[in-house]
Amino acid sequence: MGRVHEFVTSPNRLTKPMVRKGDALGKPHGNEALNLAATRLKEIKEKYGPDSIGVLTSAKCTNEENYVLQKFTRAAIGTNNIDHCARL
């Protein structure tokens, strides 16, 4: 069994956005990955409601980045399901 931190140097680690195309992962064109994520979040929100989505923030982000994510979660998604890793 490997050590938990070894994934950082693994040659199998994804370092760029990828989009599933059939059974394979491929490099997205332009904003394809961002558009796909936005579309899927919208579909999930419409089908299951905004509280079916949750967001985790990070202590490695700045206060400003965490604030923007918190505003996005509450205003754009419409849920209070947001947490921060420092609380865990």
N, C-alpha and C. Protein backbone atom coordinates (compact mmCIF):
# COMPACT_ATOMS: atom_id res chain seq x y z
N MET A 1 0.85 -1.18 0.00
CA MET A 1 0.00 0.00 0.00
C MET A 1 0.90 1.24 0.00
N GLY A 2 0.60 2.18 -0.88
CA GLY A 2 1.40 3.40 -0.98
C GLY A 2 1.05 4.41 0.10
N ARG A 3 1.83 5.40 0.20
CA ARG A 3 1.58 6.47 1.16
C ARG A 3 0.58 7.44 0.57
N VAL A 4 -0.17 8.07 1.42
CA VAL A 4 -1.29 8.90 0.98
C VAL A 4 -0.85 10.09 0.12
N HIS A 5 0.33 10.61 0.32
CA HIS A 5 0.78 11.78 -0.43
C HIS A 5 1.41 11.44 -1.79
N GLU A 6 1.60 10.17 -2.09
CA GLU A 6 2.28 9.77 -3.32
C GLU A 6 1.48 10.08 -4.58
N PHE A 7 0.19 10.36 -4.44
CA PHE A 7 -0.62 10.69 -5.62
C PHE A 7 -0.11 11.95 -6.31
N VAL A 8 0.56 12.82 -5.57
CA VAL A 8 1.03 14.10 -6.11
C VAL A 8 2.02 13.88 -7.25
N THR A 9 2.84 12.87 -7.17
CA THR A 9 3.84 12.61 -8.20
C THR A 9 3.47 11.45 -9.12
N SER A 10 2.26 10.93 -8.98
CA SER A 10 1.84 9.81 -9.80
C SER A 10 1.72 10.22 -11.27
N PRO A 11 2.22 9.39 -12.18
CA PRO A 11 2.06 9.70 -13.61
C PRO A 11 0.61 9.55 -14.07
N ASN A 12 -0.24 8.91 -13.26
CA ASN A 12 -1.65 8.73 -13.59
C ASN A 12 -2.53 9.89 -13.12
N ARG A 13 -1.93 10.85 -12.44
CA ARG A 13 -2.68 11.97 -11.88
C ARG A 13 -3.18 12.89 -13.00
N LEU A 14 -4.45 13.28 -12.92
CA LEU A 14 -4.99 14.26 -13.85
C LEU A 14 -4.53 15.65 -13.44
N THR A 15 -3.98 16.39 -14.36
CA THR A 15 -3.49 17.73 -14.06
C THR A 15 -4.22 18.81 -14.86
N LYS A 16 -5.08 18.39 -15.78
CA LYS A 16 -5.84 19.31 -16.61
C LYS A 16 -7.27 18.81 -16.70
N PRO A 17 -8.22 19.69 -17.00
CA PRO A 17 -9.62 19.24 -17.15
C PRO A 17 -9.74 18.16 -18.22
N MET A 18 -10.62 17.21 -17.96
CA MET A 18 -10.89 16.15 -18.93
C MET A 18 -12.41 16.00 -19.01
N VAL A 19 -12.88 15.57 -20.17
CA VAL A 19 -14.31 15.35 -20.40
C VAL A 19 -14.48 13.93 -20.92
N ARG A 20 -15.45 13.23 -20.33
CA ARG A 20 -15.72 11.86 -20.79
C ARG A 20 -16.44 11.92 -22.13
N LYS A 21 -15.87 11.22 -23.10
CA LYS A 21 -16.45 11.11 -24.44
C LYS A 21 -16.59 9.63 -24.74
N GLY A 22 -17.80 9.11 -24.56
CA GLY A 22 -18.00 7.67 -24.68
C GLY A 22 -17.38 6.99 -23.48
N ASP A 23 -16.48 6.05 -23.74
CA ASP A 23 -15.81 5.32 -22.67
C ASP A 23 -14.44 5.89 -22.33
N ALA A 24 -14.05 6.95 -23.00
CA ALA A 24 -12.70 7.49 -22.80
C ALA A 24 -12.76 8.93 -22.30
N LEU A 25 -11.67 9.34 -21.65
CA LEU A 25 -11.52 10.74 -21.26
C LEU A 25 -10.75 11.46 -22.35
N GLY A 26 -11.20 12.67 -22.69
CA GLY A 26 -10.53 13.45 -23.71
C GLY A 26 -10.34 14.88 -23.27
N LYS A 27 -9.44 15.56 -23.94
CA LYS A 27 -9.20 16.97 -23.63
C LYS A 27 -10.36 17.79 -24.16
N PRO A 28 -10.90 18.68 -23.32
CA PRO A 28 -12.02 19.51 -23.78
C PRO A 28 -11.53 20.63 -24.69
N HIS A 29 -12.41 21.09 -25.56
CA HIS A 29 -12.12 22.21 -26.43
C HIS A 29 -12.68 23.48 -25.80
N GLY A 30 -11.87 24.54 -25.77
CA GLY A 30 -12.33 25.83 -25.24
C GLY A 30 -12.90 25.70 -23.84
N ASN A 31 -14.13 26.15 -23.67
CA ASN A 31 -14.80 26.12 -22.37
C ASN A 31 -15.70 24.90 -22.20
N GLU A 32 -15.43 23.83 -22.93
CA GLU A 32 -16.29 22.65 -22.90
C GLU A 32 -16.45 22.08 -21.49
N ALA A 33 -15.36 21.95 -20.73
CA ALA A 33 -15.43 21.39 -19.38
C ALA A 33 -16.25 22.29 -18.46
N LEU A 34 -16.03 23.59 -18.54
CA LEU A 34 -16.78 24.54 -17.71
C LEU A 34 -18.26 24.53 -18.08
N ASN A 35 -18.56 24.51 -19.37
CA ASN A 35 -19.95 24.47 -19.82
C ASN A 35 -20.64 23.18 -19.38
N LEU A 36 -19.93 22.07 -19.45
CA LEU A 36 -20.49 20.79 -19.03
C LEU A 36 -20.79 20.81 -17.53
N ALA A 37 -19.87 21.32 -16.73
CA ALA A 37 -20.09 21.40 -15.28
C ALA A 37 -21.30 22.28 -14.96
N ALA A 38 -21.40 23.42 -15.62
CA ALA A 38 -22.53 24.33 -15.39
C ALA A 38 -23.85 23.70 -15.81
N THR A 39 -23.84 23.02 -16.94
CA THR A 39 -25.06 22.35 -17.43
C THR A 39 -25.51 21.26 -16.47
N ARG A 40 -24.56 20.44 -16.02
CA ARG A 40 -24.91 19.35 -15.10
C ARG A 40 -25.41 19.88 -13.76
N LEU A 41 -24.77 20.93 -13.22
CA LEU A 41 -25.24 21.52 -11.97
C LEU A 41 -26.67 22.03 -12.12
N LYS A 42 -26.95 22.67 -13.25
CA LYS A 42 -28.30 23.19 -13.51
C LYS A 42 -29.31 22.04 -13.59
N GLU A 43 -28.95 20.97 -14.30
CA GLU A 43 -29.84 19.81 -14.42
C GLU A 43 -30.12 19.18 -13.05
N ILE A 44 -29.08 19.03 -12.24
CA ILE A 44 -29.24 18.44 -10.90
C ILE A 44 -30.12 19.33 -10.03
N LYS A 45 -29.88 20.64 -10.09
CA LYS A 45 -30.67 21.59 -9.31
C LYS A 45 -32.14 21.53 -9.72
N GLU A 46 -32.42 21.48 -11.03
CA GLU A 46 -33.80 21.45 -11.52
C GLU A 46 -34.49 20.13 -11.17
N LYS A 47 -33.76 19.02 -11.25
CA LYS A 47 -34.37 17.71 -11.01
C LYS A 47 -34.54 17.39 -9.53
N TYR A 48 -33.52 17.71 -8.71
CA TYR A 48 -33.52 17.30 -7.31
C TYR A 48 -33.62 18.45 -6.31
N GLY A 49 -33.54 19.67 -6.79
CA GLY A 49 -33.59 20.84 -5.91
C GLY A 49 -32.21 21.31 -5.50
N PRO A 50 -32.10 22.58 -5.11
CA PRO A 50 -30.79 23.14 -4.77
C PRO A 50 -30.12 22.49 -3.57
N ASP A 51 -30.90 21.95 -2.63
CA ASP A 51 -30.28 21.34 -1.45
C ASP A 51 -29.67 19.97 -1.75
N SER A 52 -29.78 19.50 -2.99
CA SER A 52 -29.11 18.25 -3.38
C SER A 52 -27.65 18.50 -3.72
N ILE A 53 -27.24 19.76 -3.73
CA ILE A 53 -25.87 20.15 -4.06
C ILE A 53 -25.19 20.68 -2.81
N GLY A 54 -23.96 20.29 -2.60
CA GLY A 54 -23.17 20.79 -1.47
C GLY A 54 -21.80 21.24 -1.96
N VAL A 55 -21.19 22.14 -1.23
CA VAL A 55 -19.89 22.70 -1.62
C VAL A 55 -18.96 22.65 -0.42
N LEU A 56 -17.71 22.24 -0.64
CA LEU A 56 -16.67 22.29 0.37
C LEU A 56 -15.62 23.31 -0.04
N THR A 57 -15.23 24.15 0.88
CA THR A 57 -14.19 25.13 0.59
C THR A 57 -12.90 24.69 1.27
N SER A 58 -11.84 25.46 1.05
CA SER A 58 -10.52 25.04 1.49
C SER A 58 -9.80 26.13 2.27
N ALA A 59 -9.04 25.71 3.25
CA ALA A 59 -8.20 26.64 4.01
C ALA A 59 -7.04 27.14 3.14
N LYS A 60 -6.78 26.48 2.02
CA LYS A 60 -5.71 26.90 1.13
C LYS A 60 -6.15 28.04 0.21
N CYS A 61 -7.45 28.33 0.20
CA CYS A 61 -7.97 29.46 -0.58
C CYS A 61 -7.88 30.73 0.27
N THR A 62 -7.88 31.86 -0.40
CA THR A 62 -7.89 33.12 0.33
C THR A 62 -9.28 33.36 0.92
N ASN A 63 -9.37 34.29 1.87
CA ASN A 63 -10.68 34.66 2.43
C ASN A 63 -11.61 35.14 1.32
N GLU A 64 -11.05 35.90 0.37
CA GLU A 64 -11.86 36.43 -0.72
C GLU A 64 -12.40 35.30 -1.61
N GLU A 65 -11.57 34.30 -1.90
CA GLU A 65 -12.02 33.17 -2.71
C GLU A 65 -13.11 32.38 -2.00
N ASN A 66 -12.94 32.17 -0.70
CA ASN A 66 -13.95 31.46 0.08
C ASN A 66 -15.24 32.28 0.15
N TYR A 67 -15.13 33.59 0.26
CA TYR A 67 -16.31 34.45 0.29
C TYR A 67 -17.08 34.35 -1.03
N VAL A 68 -16.37 34.41 -2.16
CA VAL A 68 -17.01 34.32 -3.47
C VAL A 68 -17.70 32.96 -3.62
N LEU A 69 -17.05 31.88 -3.19
CA LEU A 69 -17.66 30.56 -3.30
C LEU A 69 -18.90 30.45 -2.42
N GLN A 70 -18.85 31.05 -1.25
CA GLN A 70 -20.00 31.06 -0.36
C GLN A 70 -21.15 31.84 -0.97
N LYS A 71 -20.86 32.96 -1.60
CA LYS A 71 -21.91 33.76 -2.26
C LYS A 71 -22.48 32.99 -3.45
N PHE A 72 -21.63 32.34 -4.23
CA PHE A 72 -22.09 31.54 -5.36
C PHE A 72 -23.01 30.41 -4.89
N THR A 73 -22.59 29.73 -3.83
CA THR A 73 -23.37 28.61 -3.31
C THR A 73 -24.75 29.06 -2.86
N ARG A 74 -24.80 30.17 -2.13
CA ARG A 74 -26.08 30.63 -1.58
C ARG A 74 -26.93 31.37 -2.61
N ALA A 75 -26.32 32.21 -3.42
CA ALA A 75 -27.10 33.04 -4.36
C ALA A 75 -27.38 32.32 -5.68
N ALA A 76 -26.37 31.73 -6.29
CA ALA A 76 -26.56 31.10 -7.61
C ALA A 76 -27.17 29.71 -7.51
N ILE A 77 -26.66 28.89 -6.59
CA ILE A 77 -27.20 27.55 -6.44
C ILE A 77 -28.47 27.57 -5.59
N GLY A 78 -28.48 28.39 -4.55
CA GLY A 78 -29.66 28.52 -3.71
C GLY A 78 -29.70 27.57 -2.53
N THR A 79 -28.51 27.20 -2.04
CA THR A 79 -28.45 26.30 -0.90
C THR A 79 -27.50 26.85 0.15
N ASN A 80 -27.70 26.43 1.38
CA ASN A 80 -26.78 26.76 2.47
C ASN A 80 -25.83 25.60 2.76
N ASN A 81 -25.83 24.58 1.89
CA ASN A 81 -24.98 23.41 2.06
C ASN A 81 -23.55 23.73 1.66
N ILE A 82 -22.88 24.47 2.53
CA ILE A 82 -21.48 24.83 2.28
C ILE A 82 -20.71 24.62 3.57
N ASP A 83 -19.53 24.07 3.46
CA ASP A 83 -18.71 23.81 4.65
C ASP A 83 -17.26 24.11 4.31
N HIS A 84 -16.45 24.17 5.35
CA HIS A 84 -15.04 24.54 5.22
C HIS A 84 -14.21 23.48 5.90
N CYS A 85 -13.09 23.10 5.28
CA CYS A 85 -12.27 22.02 5.81
C CYS A 85 -11.68 22.33 7.19
N ALA A 86 -11.58 23.58 7.57
CA ALA A 86 -11.03 23.93 8.86
C ALA A 86 -11.96 23.50 10.01
N ARG A 87 -13.22 23.30 9.69
CA ARG A 87 -14.17 22.87 10.72
C ARG A 87 -14.09 21.38 10.98
N LEU A 88 -13.52 20.62 10.06
CA LEU A 88 -13.53 19.17 10.17
C LEU A 88 -12.53 18.65 11.17
